Amino acid sequence: RESTGFLIGSPEFSAKILGDEPFQFYK
């Protein structure tokens, strides 16, 4: 992912922010 630190999934995030697999869970 292109982000760092701890993050909780949010509507404005993308796969680049969360990573592909977590973003798949989120969607």
mmCIF file of all heavy atoms, coordinates in Angstrom:
data_MODEL
# 
_entry.id   MODEL 
# 
loop_
_atom_site.group_PDB 
_atom_site.id 
_atom_site.type_symbol 
_atom_site.label_atom_id 
_atom_site.label_alt_id 
_atom_site.label_comp_id 
_atom_site.label_asym_id 
_atom_site.label_entity_id 
_atom_site.label_seq_id 
_atom_site.pdbx_PDB_ins_code 
_atom_site.Cartn_x 
_atom_site.Cartn_y 
_atom_site.Cartn_z 
_atom_site.occupancy 
_atom_site.B_iso_or_equiv 
_atom_site.pdbx_formal_charge 
_atom_site.auth_seq_id 
_atom_site.auth_comp_id 
_atom_site.auth_asym_id 
_atom_site.auth_atom_id 
_atom_site.pdbx_PDB_model_num 
ATOM 1   N N   . ARG A 1 1  ? 0.845   -1.198  0.000  1.00 0.00 ? 1  ARG A N   1 
ATOM 2   C CA  . ARG A 1 1  ? 0.000   0.000   0.000  1.00 0.00 ? 1  ARG A CA  1 
ATOM 3   C C   . ARG A 1 1  ? 0.879   1.246   0.000  1.00 0.00 ? 1  ARG A C   1 
ATOM 4   O O   . ARG A 1 1  ? 2.051   1.192   0.393  1.00 0.00 ? 1  ARG A O   1 
ATOM 5   C CB  . ARG A 1 1  ? -0.930  -0.002  1.217  1.00 0.00 ? 1  ARG A CB  1 
ATOM 6   C CG  . ARG A 1 1  ? -0.221  0.010   2.577  1.00 0.00 ? 1  ARG A CG  1 
ATOM 7   C CD  . ARG A 1 1  ? -1.217  -0.209  3.700  1.00 0.00 ? 1  ARG A CD  1 
ATOM 8   N NE  . ARG A 1 1  ? -0.558  -0.427  4.992  1.00 0.00 ? 1  ARG A NE  1 
ATOM 9   C CZ  . ARG A 1 1  ? -0.603  0.418   6.011  1.00 0.00 ? 1  ARG A CZ  1 
ATOM 10  N NH1 . ARG A 1 1  ? -1.275  1.560   5.909  1.00 0.00 ? 1  ARG A NH1 1 
ATOM 11  N NH2 . ARG A 1 1  ? -0.014  0.138   7.149  1.00 0.00 ? 1  ARG A NH2 1 
ATOM 12  N N   . GLU A 1 2  ? 0.294   2.355   -0.414 1.00 0.00 ? 2  GLU A N   1 
ATOM 13  C CA  . GLU A 1 2  ? 1.041   3.607   -0.506 1.00 0.00 ? 2  GLU A CA  1 
ATOM 14  C C   . GLU A 1 2  ? 0.915   4.443   0.767  1.00 0.00 ? 2  GLU A C   1 
ATOM 15  O O   . GLU A 1 2  ? 1.382   5.583   0.799  1.00 0.00 ? 2  GLU A O   1 
ATOM 16  C CB  . GLU A 1 2  ? 0.569   4.406   -1.719 1.00 0.00 ? 2  GLU A CB  1 
ATOM 17  C CG  . GLU A 1 2  ? 0.859   3.712   -3.044 1.00 0.00 ? 2  GLU A CG  1 
ATOM 18  C CD  . GLU A 1 2  ? 0.396   4.525   -4.240 1.00 0.00 ? 2  GLU A CD  1 
ATOM 19  O OE1 . GLU A 1 2  ? -0.189  5.609   -4.031 1.00 0.00 ? 2  GLU A OE1 1 
ATOM 20  O OE2 . GLU A 1 2  ? 0.606   4.070   -5.385 1.00 0.00 ? 2  GLU A OE2 1 
ATOM 21  N N   . SER A 1 3  ? 0.290   3.884   1.785  1.00 0.00 ? 3  SER A N   1 
ATOM 22  C CA  . SER A 1 3  ? 0.118   4.593   3.054  1.00 0.00 ? 3  SER A CA  1 
ATOM 23  C C   . SER A 1 3  ? 0.996   3.929   4.115  1.00 0.00 ? 3  SER A C   1 
ATOM 24  O O   . SER A 1 3  ? 1.590   2.874   3.897  1.00 0.00 ? 3  SER A O   1 
ATOM 25  C CB  . SER A 1 3  ? -1.345  4.547   3.482  1.00 0.00 ? 3  SER A CB  1 
ATOM 26  O OG  . SER A 1 3  ? -1.774  3.194   3.615  1.00 0.00 ? 3  SER A OG  1 
ATOM 27  N N   . THR A 1 4  ? 1.056   4.561   5.268  1.00 0.00 ? 4  THR A N   1 
ATOM 28  C CA  . THR A 1 4  ? 1.817   4.014   6.386  1.00 0.00 ? 4  THR A CA  1 
ATOM 29  C C   . THR A 1 4  ? 0.974   4.081   7.652  1.00 0.00 ? 4  THR A C   1 
ATOM 30  O O   . THR A 1 4  ? -0.038  4.785   7.715  1.00 0.00 ? 4  THR A O   1 
ATOM 31  C CB  . THR A 1 4  ? 3.133   4.786   6.615  1.00 0.00 ? 4  THR A CB  1 
ATOM 32  O OG1 . THR A 1 4  ? 2.823   6.174   6.851  1.00 0.00 ? 4  THR A OG1 1 
ATOM 33  C CG2 . THR A 1 4  ? 4.050   4.666   5.422  1.00 0.00 ? 4  THR A CG2 1 
ATOM 34  N N   . GLY A 1 5  ? 1.403   3.359   8.669  1.00 0.00 ? 5  GLY A N   1 
ATOM 35  C CA  . GLY A 1 5  ? 0.732   3.399   9.951  1.00 0.00 ? 5  GLY A CA  1 
ATOM 36  C C   . GLY A 1 5  ? -0.570  2.614   9.966  1.00 0.00 ? 5  GLY A C   1 
ATOM 37  O O   . GLY A 1 5  ? -0.900  1.881   9.029  1.00 0.00 ? 5  GLY A O   1 
ATOM 38  N N   . PHE A 1 6  ? -1.317  2.797   11.043 1.00 0.00 ? 6  PHE A N   1 
ATOM 39  C CA  . PHE A 1 6  ? -2.576  2.085   11.226 1.00 0.00 ? 6  PHE A CA  1 
ATOM 40  C C   . PHE A 1 6  ? -3.717  2.860   10.587 1.00 0.00 ? 6  PHE A C   1 
ATOM 41  O O   . PHE A 1 6  ? -3.842  4.075   10.775 1.00 0.00 ? 6  PHE A O   1 
ATOM 42  C CB  . PHE A 1 6  ? -2.858  1.893   12.713 1.00 0.00 ? 6  PHE A CB  1 
ATOM 43  C CG  . PHE A 1 6  ? -4.207  1.293   13.005 1.00 0.00 ? 6  PHE A CG  1 
ATOM 44  C CD1 . PHE A 1 6  ? -4.416  -0.067  12.877 1.00 0.00 ? 6  PHE A CD1 1 
ATOM 45  C CD2 . PHE A 1 6  ? -5.283  2.098   13.393 1.00 0.00 ? 6  PHE A CD2 1 
ATOM 46  C CE1 . PHE A 1 6  ? -5.661  -0.634  13.141 1.00 0.00 ? 6  PHE A CE1 1 
ATOM 47  C CE2 . PHE A 1 6  ? -6.523  1.548   13.655 1.00 0.00 ? 6  PHE A CE2 1 
ATOM 48  C CZ  . PHE A 1 6  ? -6.709  0.181   13.525 1.00 0.00 ? 6  PHE A CZ  1 
ATOM 49  N N   . LEU A 1 7  ? -4.555  2.168   9.826  1.00 0.00 ? 7  LEU A N   1 
ATOM 50  C CA  . LEU A 1 7  ? -5.709  2.791   9.183  1.00 0.00 ? 7  LEU A CA  1 
ATOM 51  C C   . LEU A 1 7  ? -6.919  1.873   9.278  1.00 0.00 ? 7  LEU A C   1 
ATOM 52  O O   . LEU A 1 7  ? -6.789  0.651   9.200  1.00 0.00 ? 7  LEU A O   1 
ATOM 53  C CB  . LEU A 1 7  ? -5.427  3.063   7.696  1.00 0.00 ? 7  LEU A CB  1 
ATOM 54  C CG  . LEU A 1 7  ? -4.369  4.109   7.338  1.00 0.00 ? 7  LEU A CG  1 
ATOM 55  C CD1 . LEU A 1 7  ? -4.126  4.091   5.828  1.00 0.00 ? 7  LEU A CD1 1 
ATOM 56  C CD2 . LEU A 1 7  ? -4.803  5.487   7.798  1.00 0.00 ? 7  LEU A CD2 1 
ATOM 57  N N   . ILE A 1 8  ? -8.080  2.484   9.414  1.00 0.00 ? 8  ILE A N   1 
ATOM 58  C CA  . ILE A 1 8  ? -9.357  1.767   9.347  1.00 0.00 ? 8  ILE A CA  1 
ATOM 59  C C   . ILE A 1 8  ? -10.030 2.142   8.039  1.00 0.00 ? 8  ILE A C   1 
ATOM 60  O O   . ILE A 1 8  ? -10.047 3.313   7.651  1.00 0.00 ? 8  ILE A O   1 
ATOM 61  C CB  . ILE A 1 8  ? -10.252 2.119   10.545 1.00 0.00 ? 8  ILE A CB  1 
ATOM 62  C CG1 . ILE A 1 8  ? -9.652  1.540   11.838 1.00 0.00 ? 8  ILE A CG1 1 
ATOM 63  C CG2 . ILE A 1 8  ? -11.670 1.574   10.344 1.00 0.00 ? 8  ILE A CG2 1 
ATOM 64  C CD1 . ILE A 1 8  ? -10.414 1.912   13.094 1.00 0.00 ? 8  ILE A CD1 1 
ATOM 65  N N   . GLY A 1 9  ? -10.549 1.142   7.335  1.00 0.00 ? 9  GLY A N   1 
ATOM 66  C CA  . GLY A 1 9  ? -11.173 1.358   6.033  1.00 0.00 ? 9  GLY A CA  1 
ATOM 67  C C   . GLY A 1 9  ? -12.193 2.480   6.052  1.00 0.00 ? 9  GLY A C   1 
ATOM 68  O O   . GLY A 1 9  ? -13.002 2.599   6.978  1.00 0.00 ? 9  GLY A O   1 
ATOM 69  N N   . SER A 1 10 ? -12.161 3.300   5.001  1.00 0.00 ? 10 SER A N   1 
ATOM 70  C CA  . SER A 1 10 ? -13.030 4.469   4.904  1.00 0.00 ? 10 SER A CA  1 
ATOM 71  C C   . SER A 1 10 ? -13.446 4.650   3.447  1.00 0.00 ? 10 SER A C   1 
ATOM 72  O O   . SER A 1 10 ? -12.713 4.251   2.537  1.00 0.00 ? 10 SER A O   1 
ATOM 73  C CB  . SER A 1 10 ? -12.271 5.703   5.406  1.00 0.00 ? 10 SER A CB  1 
ATOM 74  O OG  . SER A 1 10 ? -13.055 6.859   5.316  1.00 0.00 ? 10 SER A OG  1 
ATOM 75  N N   . PRO A 1 11 ? -14.633 5.234   3.178  1.00 0.00 ? 11 PRO A N   1 
ATOM 76  C CA  . PRO A 1 11 ? -15.123 5.362   1.803  1.00 0.00 ? 11 PRO A CA  1 
ATOM 77  C C   . PRO A 1 11 ? -14.173 6.079   0.848  1.00 0.00 ? 11 PRO A C   1 
ATOM 78  O O   . PRO A 1 11 ? -14.186 5.815   -0.350 1.00 0.00 ? 11 PRO A O   1 
ATOM 79  C CB  . PRO A 1 11 ? -16.428 6.151   1.974  1.00 0.00 ? 11 PRO A CB  1 
ATOM 80  C CG  . PRO A 1 11 ? -16.882 5.839   3.349  1.00 0.00 ? 11 PRO A CG  1 
ATOM 81  C CD  . PRO A 1 11 ? -15.637 5.716   4.162  1.00 0.00 ? 11 PRO A CD  1 
ATOM 82  N N   . GLU A 1 12 ? -13.354 6.978   1.362  1.00 0.00 ? 12 GLU A N   1 
ATOM 83  C CA  . GLU A 1 12 ? -12.469 7.725   0.460  1.00 0.00 ? 12 GLU A CA  1 
ATOM 84  C C   . GLU A 1 12 ? -11.192 6.960   0.119  1.00 0.00 ? 12 GLU A C   1 
ATOM 85  O O   . GLU A 1 12 ? -10.394 7.398   -0.713 1.00 0.00 ? 12 GLU A O   1 
ATOM 86  C CB  . GLU A 1 12 ? -12.084 9.082   1.068  1.00 0.00 ? 12 GLU A CB  1 
ATOM 87  C CG  . GLU A 1 12 ? -11.203 9.019   2.298  1.00 0.00 ? 12 GLU A CG  1 
ATOM 88  C CD  . GLU A 1 12 ? -11.989 8.950   3.605  1.00 0.00 ? 12 GLU A CD  1 
ATOM 89  O OE1 . GLU A 1 12 ? -13.188 8.615   3.547  1.00 0.00 ? 12 GLU A OE1 1 
ATOM 90  O OE2 . GLU A 1 12 ? -11.401 9.234   4.659  1.00 0.00 ? 12 GLU A OE2 1 
ATOM 91  N N   . PHE A 1 13 ? -10.999 5.792   0.727  1.00 0.00 ? 13 PHE A N   1 
ATOM 92  C CA  . PHE A 1 13 ? -9.786  5.018   0.474  1.00 0.00 ? 13 PHE A CA  1 
ATOM 93  C C   . PHE A 1 13 ? -9.910  4.188   -0.798 1.00 0.00 ? 13 PHE A C   1 
ATOM 94  O O   . PHE A 1 13 ? -11.012 3.883   -1.263 1.00 0.00 ? 13 PHE A O   1 
ATOM 95  C CB  . PHE A 1 13 ? -9.476  4.094   1.655  1.00 0.00 ? 13 PHE A CB  1 
ATOM 96  C CG  . PHE A 1 13 ? -9.008  4.803   2.892  1.00 0.00 ? 13 PHE A CG  1 
ATOM 97  C CD1 . PHE A 1 13 ? -8.932  4.140   4.106  1.00 0.00 ? 13 PHE A CD1 1 
ATOM 98  C CD2 . PHE A 1 13 ? -8.625  6.131   2.850  1.00 0.00 ? 13 PHE A CD2 1 
ATOM 99  C CE1 . PHE A 1 13 ? -8.510  4.776   5.251  1.00 0.00 ? 13 PHE A CE1 1 
ATOM 100 C CE2 . PHE A 1 13 ? -8.194  6.791   3.995  1.00 0.00 ? 13 PHE A CE2 1 
ATOM 101 C CZ  . PHE A 1 13 ? -8.132  6.108   5.193  1.00 0.00 ? 13 PHE A CZ  1 
ATOM 102 N N   . SER A 1 14 ? -8.761  3.808   -1.338 1.00 0.00 ? 14 SER A N   1 
ATOM 103 C CA  . SER A 1 14 ? -8.692  2.932   -2.509 1.00 0.00 ? 14 SER A CA  1 
ATOM 104 C C   . SER A 1 14 ? -7.774  1.766   -2.186 1.00 0.00 ? 14 SER A C   1 
ATOM 105 O O   . SER A 1 14 ? -7.209  1.673   -1.082 1.00 0.00 ? 14 SER A O   1 
ATOM 106 C CB  . SER A 1 14 ? -8.131  3.701   -3.707 1.00 0.00 ? 14 SER A CB  1 
ATOM 107 O OG  . SER A 1 14 ? -6.781  4.066   -3.456 1.00 0.00 ? 14 SER A OG  1 
ATOM 108 N N   . ALA A 1 15 ? -7.596  0.870   -3.161 1.00 0.00 ? 15 ALA A N   1 
ATOM 109 C CA  . ALA A 1 15 ? -6.677  -0.257  -2.983 1.00 0.00 ? 15 ALA A CA  1 
ATOM 110 C C   . ALA A 1 15 ? -5.249  0.233   -2.757 1.00 0.00 ? 15 ALA A C   1 
ATOM 111 O O   . ALA A 1 15 ? -4.462  -0.423  -2.067 1.00 0.00 ? 15 ALA A O   1 
ATOM 112 C CB  . ALA A 1 15 ? -6.742  -1.180  -4.195 1.00 0.00 ? 15 ALA A CB  1 
ATOM 113 N N   . LYS A 1 16 ? -4.917  1.397   -3.312 1.00 0.00 ? 16 LYS A N   1 
ATOM 114 C CA  . LYS A 1 16 ? -3.581  1.941   -3.115 1.00 0.00 ? 16 LYS A CA  1 
ATOM 115 C C   . LYS A 1 16 ? -3.348  2.329   -1.661 1.00 0.00 ? 16 LYS A C   1 
ATOM 116 O O   . LYS A 1 16 ? -2.223  2.271   -1.167 1.00 0.00 ? 16 LYS A O   1 
ATOM 117 C CB  . LYS A 1 16 ? -3.374  3.166   -4.012 1.00 0.00 ? 16 LYS A CB  1 
ATOM 118 C CG  . LYS A 1 16 ? -3.284  2.844   -5.497 1.00 0.00 ? 16 LYS A CG  1 
ATOM 119 C CD  . LYS A 1 16 ? -3.025  4.104   -6.294 1.00 0.00 ? 16 LYS A CD  1 
ATOM 120 C CE  . LYS A 1 16 ? -2.896  3.791   -7.781 1.00 0.00 ? 16 LYS A CE  1 
ATOM 121 N NZ  . LYS A 1 16 ? -2.636  5.006   -8.582 1.00 0.00 ? 16 LYS A NZ  1 
ATOM 122 N N   . ILE A 1 17 ? -4.403  2.726   -0.979 1.00 0.00 ? 17 ILE A N   1 
ATOM 123 C CA  . ILE A 1 17 ? -4.275  3.161   0.416  1.00 0.00 ? 17 ILE A CA  1 
ATOM 124 C C   . ILE A 1 17 ? -4.343  1.981   1.384  1.00 0.00 ? 17 ILE A C   1 
ATOM 125 O O   . ILE A 1 17 ? -3.552  1.885   2.325  1.00 0.00 ? 17 ILE A O   1 
ATOM 126 C CB  . ILE A 1 17 ? -5.378  4.182   0.771  1.00 0.00 ? 17 ILE A CB  1 
ATOM 127 C CG1 . ILE A 1 17 ? -5.280  5.396   -0.166 1.00 0.00 ? 17 ILE A CG1 1 
ATOM 128 C CG2 . ILE A 1 17 ? -5.265  4.615   2.232  1.00 0.00 ? 17 ILE A CG2 1 
ATOM 129 C CD1 . ILE A 1 17 ? -3.967  6.134   -0.096 1.00 0.00 ? 17 ILE A CD1 1 
ATOM 130 N N   . LEU A 1 18 ? -5.284  1.054   1.148  1.00 0.00 ? 18 LEU A N   1 
ATOM 131 C CA  . LEU A 1 18 ? -5.468  -0.066  2.066  1.00 0.00 ? 18 LEU A CA  1 
ATOM 132 C C   . LEU A 1 18 ? -4.656  -1.299  1.689  1.00 0.00 ? 18 LEU A C   1 
ATOM 133 O O   . LEU A 1 18 ? -4.404  -2.152  2.541  1.00 0.00 ? 18 LEU A O   1 
ATOM 134 C CB  . LEU A 1 18 ? -6.951  -0.465  2.128  1.00 0.00 ? 18 LEU A CB  1 
ATOM 135 C CG  . LEU A 1 18 ? -7.895  0.380   2.970  1.00 0.00 ? 18 LEU A CG  1 
ATOM 136 C CD1 . LEU A 1 18 ? -9.283  -0.224  2.966  1.00 0.00 ? 18 LEU A CD1 1 
ATOM 137 C CD2 . LEU A 1 18 ? -7.394  0.530   4.398  1.00 0.00 ? 18 LEU A CD2 1 
ATOM 138 N N   . GLY A 1 19 ? -4.262  -1.404  0.418  1.00 0.00 ? 19 GLY A N   1 
ATOM 139 C CA  . GLY A 1 19 ? -3.721  -2.657  -0.083 1.00 0.00 ? 19 GLY A CA  1 
ATOM 140 C C   . GLY A 1 19 ? -4.834  -3.437  -0.759 1.00 0.00 ? 19 GLY A C   1 
ATOM 141 O O   . GLY A 1 19 ? -6.013  -3.298  -0.403 1.00 0.00 ? 19 GLY A O   1 
ATOM 142 N N   . ASP A 1 20 ? -4.483  -4.269  -1.734 1.00 0.00 ? 20 ASP A N   1 
ATOM 143 C CA  . ASP A 1 20 ? -5.527  -4.898  -2.553 1.00 0.00 ? 20 ASP A CA  1 
ATOM 144 C C   . ASP A 1 20 ? -6.421  -5.852  -1.772 1.00 0.00 ? 20 ASP A C   1 
ATOM 145 O O   . ASP A 1 20 ? -7.648  -5.814  -1.904 1.00 0.00 ? 20 ASP A O   1 
ATOM 146 C CB  . ASP A 1 20 ? -4.918  -5.597  -3.779 1.00 0.00 ? 20 ASP A CB  1 
ATOM 147 C CG  . ASP A 1 20 ? -3.766  -6.523  -3.436 1.00 0.00 ? 20 ASP A CG  1 
ATOM 148 O OD1 . ASP A 1 20 ? -3.551  -6.832  -2.257 1.00 0.00 ? 20 ASP A OD1 1 
ATOM 149 O OD2 . ASP A 1 20 ? -3.061  -6.945  -4.378 1.00 0.00 ? 20 ASP A OD2 1 
ATOM 150 N N   . GLU A 1 21 ? -5.848  -6.726  -0.959 1.00 0.00 ? 21 GLU A N   1 
ATOM 151 C CA  . GLU A 1 21 ? -6.670  -7.704  -0.254 1.00 0.00 ? 21 GLU A CA  1 
ATOM 152 C C   . GLU A 1 21 ? -7.564  -7.062  0.813  1.00 0.00 ? 21 GLU A C   1 
ATOM 153 O O   . GLU A 1 21 ? -8.771  -7.353  0.858  1.00 0.00 ? 21 GLU A O   1 
ATOM 154 C CB  . GLU A 1 21 ? -5.780  -8.802  0.335  1.00 0.00 ? 21 GLU A CB  1 
ATOM 155 C CG  . GLU A 1 21 ? -5.186  -9.693  -0.757 1.00 0.00 ? 21 GLU A CG  1 
ATOM 156 C CD  . GLU A 1 21 ? -3.891  -10.357 -0.341 1.00 0.00 ? 21 GLU A CD  1 
ATOM 157 O OE1 . GLU A 1 21 ? -3.292  -9.907  0.661  1.00 0.00 ? 21 GLU A OE1 1 
ATOM 158 O OE2 . GLU A 1 21 ? -3.478  -11.302 -1.027 1.00 0.00 ? 21 GLU A OE2 1 
ATOM 159 N N   . PRO A 1 22 ? -7.028  -6.167  1.686  1.00 0.00 ? 22 PRO A N   1 
ATOM 160 C CA  . PRO A 1 22 ? -7.923  -5.493  2.635  1.00 0.00 ? 22 PRO A CA  1 
ATOM 161 C C   . PRO A 1 22 ? -9.011  -4.678  1.939  1.00 0.00 ? 22 PRO A C   1 
ATOM 162 O O   . PRO A 1 22 ? -10.153 -4.637  2.405  1.00 0.00 ? 22 PRO A O   1 
ATOM 163 C CB  . PRO A 1 22 ? -6.974  -4.582  3.430  1.00 0.00 ? 22 PRO A CB  1 
ATOM 164 C CG  . PRO A 1 22 ? -5.640  -5.229  3.300  1.00 0.00 ? 22 PRO A CG  1 
ATOM 165 C CD  . PRO A 1 22 ? -5.620  -5.843  1.942  1.00 0.00 ? 22 PRO A CD  1 
ATOM 166 N N   . PHE A 1 23 ? -8.667  -4.046  0.816  1.00 0.00 ? 23 PHE A N   1 
ATOM 167 C CA  . PHE A 1 23 ? -9.672  -3.264  0.094  1.00 0.00 ? 23 PHE A CA  1 
ATOM 168 C C   . PHE A 1 23 ? -10.762 -4.181  -0.464 1.00 0.00 ? 23 PHE A C   1 
ATOM 169 O O   . PHE A 1 23 ? -11.936 -3.800  -0.505 1.00 0.00 ? 23 PHE A O   1 
ATOM 170 C CB  . PHE A 1 23 ? -9.022  -2.473  -1.040 1.00 0.00 ? 23 PHE A CB  1 
ATOM 171 C CG  . PHE A 1 23 ? -9.950  -1.475  -1.679 1.00 0.00 ? 23 PHE A CG  1 
ATOM 172 C CD1 . PHE A 1 23 ? -10.390 -0.367  -0.976 1.00 0.00 ? 23 PHE A CD1 1 
ATOM 173 C CD2 . PHE A 1 23 ? -10.386 -1.638  -2.984 1.00 0.00 ? 23 PHE A CD2 1 
ATOM 174 C CE1 . PHE A 1 23 ? -11.249 0.559   -1.556 1.00 0.00 ? 23 PHE A CE1 1 
ATOM 175 C CE2 . PHE A 1 23 ? -11.246 -0.727  -3.578 1.00 0.00 ? 23 PHE A CE2 1 
ATOM 176 C CZ  . PHE A 1 23 ? -11.677 0.376   -2.861 1.00 0.00 ? 23 PHE A CZ  1 
ATOM 177 N N   . GLN A 1 24 ? -10.374 -5.377  -0.876 1.00 0.00 ? 24 GLN A N   1 
ATOM 178 C CA  . GLN A 1 24 ? -11.366 -6.352  -1.325 1.00 0.00 ? 24 GLN A CA  1 
ATOM 179 C C   . GLN A 1 24 ? -12.322 -6.698  -0.188 1.00 0.00 ? 24 GLN A C   1 
ATOM 180 O O   . GLN A 1 24 ? -13.537 -6.773  -0.379 1.00 0.00 ? 24 GLN A O   1 
ATOM 181 C CB  . GLN A 1 24 ? -10.668 -7.615  -1.834 1.00 0.00 ? 24 GLN A CB  1 
ATOM 182 C CG  . GLN A 1 24 ? -11.614 -8.682  -2.357 1.00 0.00 ? 24 GLN A CG  1 
ATOM 183 C CD  . GLN A 1 24 ? -10.858 -9.857  -2.962 1.00 0.00 ? 24 GLN A CD  1 
ATOM 184 O OE1 . GLN A 1 24 ? -9.869  -9.690  -3.660 1.00 0.00 ? 24 GLN A OE1 1 
ATOM 185 N NE2 . GLN A 1 24 ? -11.318 -11.068 -2.670 1.00 0.00 ? 24 GLN A NE2 1 
ATOM 186 N N   . PHE A 1 25 ? -11.781 -6.902  1.020  1.00 0.00 ? 25 PHE A N   1 
ATOM 187 C CA  . PHE A 1 25 ? -12.652 -7.160  2.182  1.00 0.00 ? 25 PHE A CA  1 
ATOM 188 C C   . PHE A 1 25 ? -13.595 -5.976  2.404  1.00 0.00 ? 25 PHE A C   1 
ATOM 189 O O   . PHE A 1 25 ? -14.791 -6.157  2.666  1.00 0.00 ? 25 PHE A O   1 
ATOM 190 C CB  . PHE A 1 25 ? -11.821 -7.367  3.463  1.00 0.00 ? 25 PHE A CB  1 
ATOM 191 C CG  . PHE A 1 25 ? -10.821 -8.483  3.414  1.00 0.00 ? 25 PHE A CG  1 
ATOM 192 C CD1 . PHE A 1 25 ? -9.658  -8.427  4.176  1.00 0.00 ? 25 PHE A CD1 1 
ATOM 193 C CD2 . PHE A 1 25 ? -11.029 -9.603  2.628  1.00 0.00 ? 25 PHE A CD2 1 
ATOM 194 C CE1 . PHE A 1 25 ? -8.729  -9.437  4.152  1.00 0.00 ? 25 PHE A CE1 1 
ATOM 195 C CE2 . PHE A 1 25 ? -10.097 -10.635 2.594  1.00 0.00 ? 25 PHE A CE2 1 
ATOM 196 C CZ  . PHE A 1 25 ? -8.942  -10.545 3.361  1.00 0.00 ? 25 PHE A CZ  1 
ATOM 197 N N   . TYR A 1 26 ? -13.041 -4.768  2.319  1.00 0.00 ? 26 TYR A N   1 
ATOM 198 C CA  . TYR A 1 26 ? -13.812 -3.568  2.599  1.00 0.00 ? 26 TYR A CA  1 
ATOM 199 C C   . TYR A 1 26 ? -14.971 -3.410  1.617  1.00 0.00 ? 26 TYR A C   1 
ATOM 200 O O   . TYR A 1 26 ? -16.086 -3.040  2.010  1.00 0.00 ? 26 TYR A O   1 
ATOM 201 C CB  . TYR A 1 26 ? -12.897 -2.338  2.545  1.00 0.00 ? 26 TYR A CB  1 
ATOM 202 C CG  . TYR A 1 26 ? -13.613 -1.049  2.852  1.00 0.00 ? 26 TYR A CG  1 
ATOM 203 C CD1 . TYR A 1 26 ? -13.929 -0.703  4.163  1.00 0.00 ? 26 TYR A CD1 1 
ATOM 204 C CD2 . TYR A 1 26 ? -13.999 -0.185  1.834  1.00 0.00 ? 26 TYR A CD2 1 
ATOM 205 C CE1 . TYR A 1 26 ? -14.603 0.471   4.451  1.00 0.00 ? 26 TYR A CE1 1 
ATOM 206 C CE2 . TYR A 1 26 ? -14.671 0.987   2.106  1.00 0.00 ? 26 TYR A CE2 1 
ATOM 207 C CZ  . TYR A 1 26 ? -14.975 1.306   3.419  1.00 0.00 ? 26 TYR A CZ  1 
ATOM 208 O OH  . TYR A 1 26 ? -15.651 2.465   3.689  1.00 0.00 ? 26 TYR A OH  1 
ATOM 209 N N   . LYS A 1 27 ? -14.727 -3.682  0.347  1.00 0.00 ? 27 LYS A N   1 
ATOM 210 C CA  . LYS A 1 27 ? -15.759 -3.518  -0.674 1.00 0.00 ? 27 LYS A CA  1 
ATOM 211 C C   . LYS A 1 27 ? -16.837 -4.601  -0.584 1.00 0.00 ? 27 LYS A C   1 
ATOM 212 O O   . LYS A 1 27 ? -18.004 -4.348  -0.904 1.00 0.00 ? 27 LYS A O   1 
ATOM 213 C CB  . LYS A 1 27 ? -15.124 -3.548  -2.063 1.00 0.00 ? 27 LYS A CB  1 
ATOM 214 C CG  . LYS A 1 27 ? -14.183 -2.384  -2.348 1.00 0.00 ? 27 LYS A CG  1 
ATOM 215 C CD  . LYS A 1 27 ? -14.900 -1.049  -2.370 1.00 0.00 ? 27 LYS A CD  1 
ATOM 216 C CE  . LYS A 1 27 ? -15.722 -0.864  -3.626 1.00 0.00 ? 27 LYS A CE  1 
ATOM 217 N NZ  . LYS A 1 27 ? -16.316 0.490   -3.698 1.00 0.00 ? 27 LYS A NZ  1 
# 
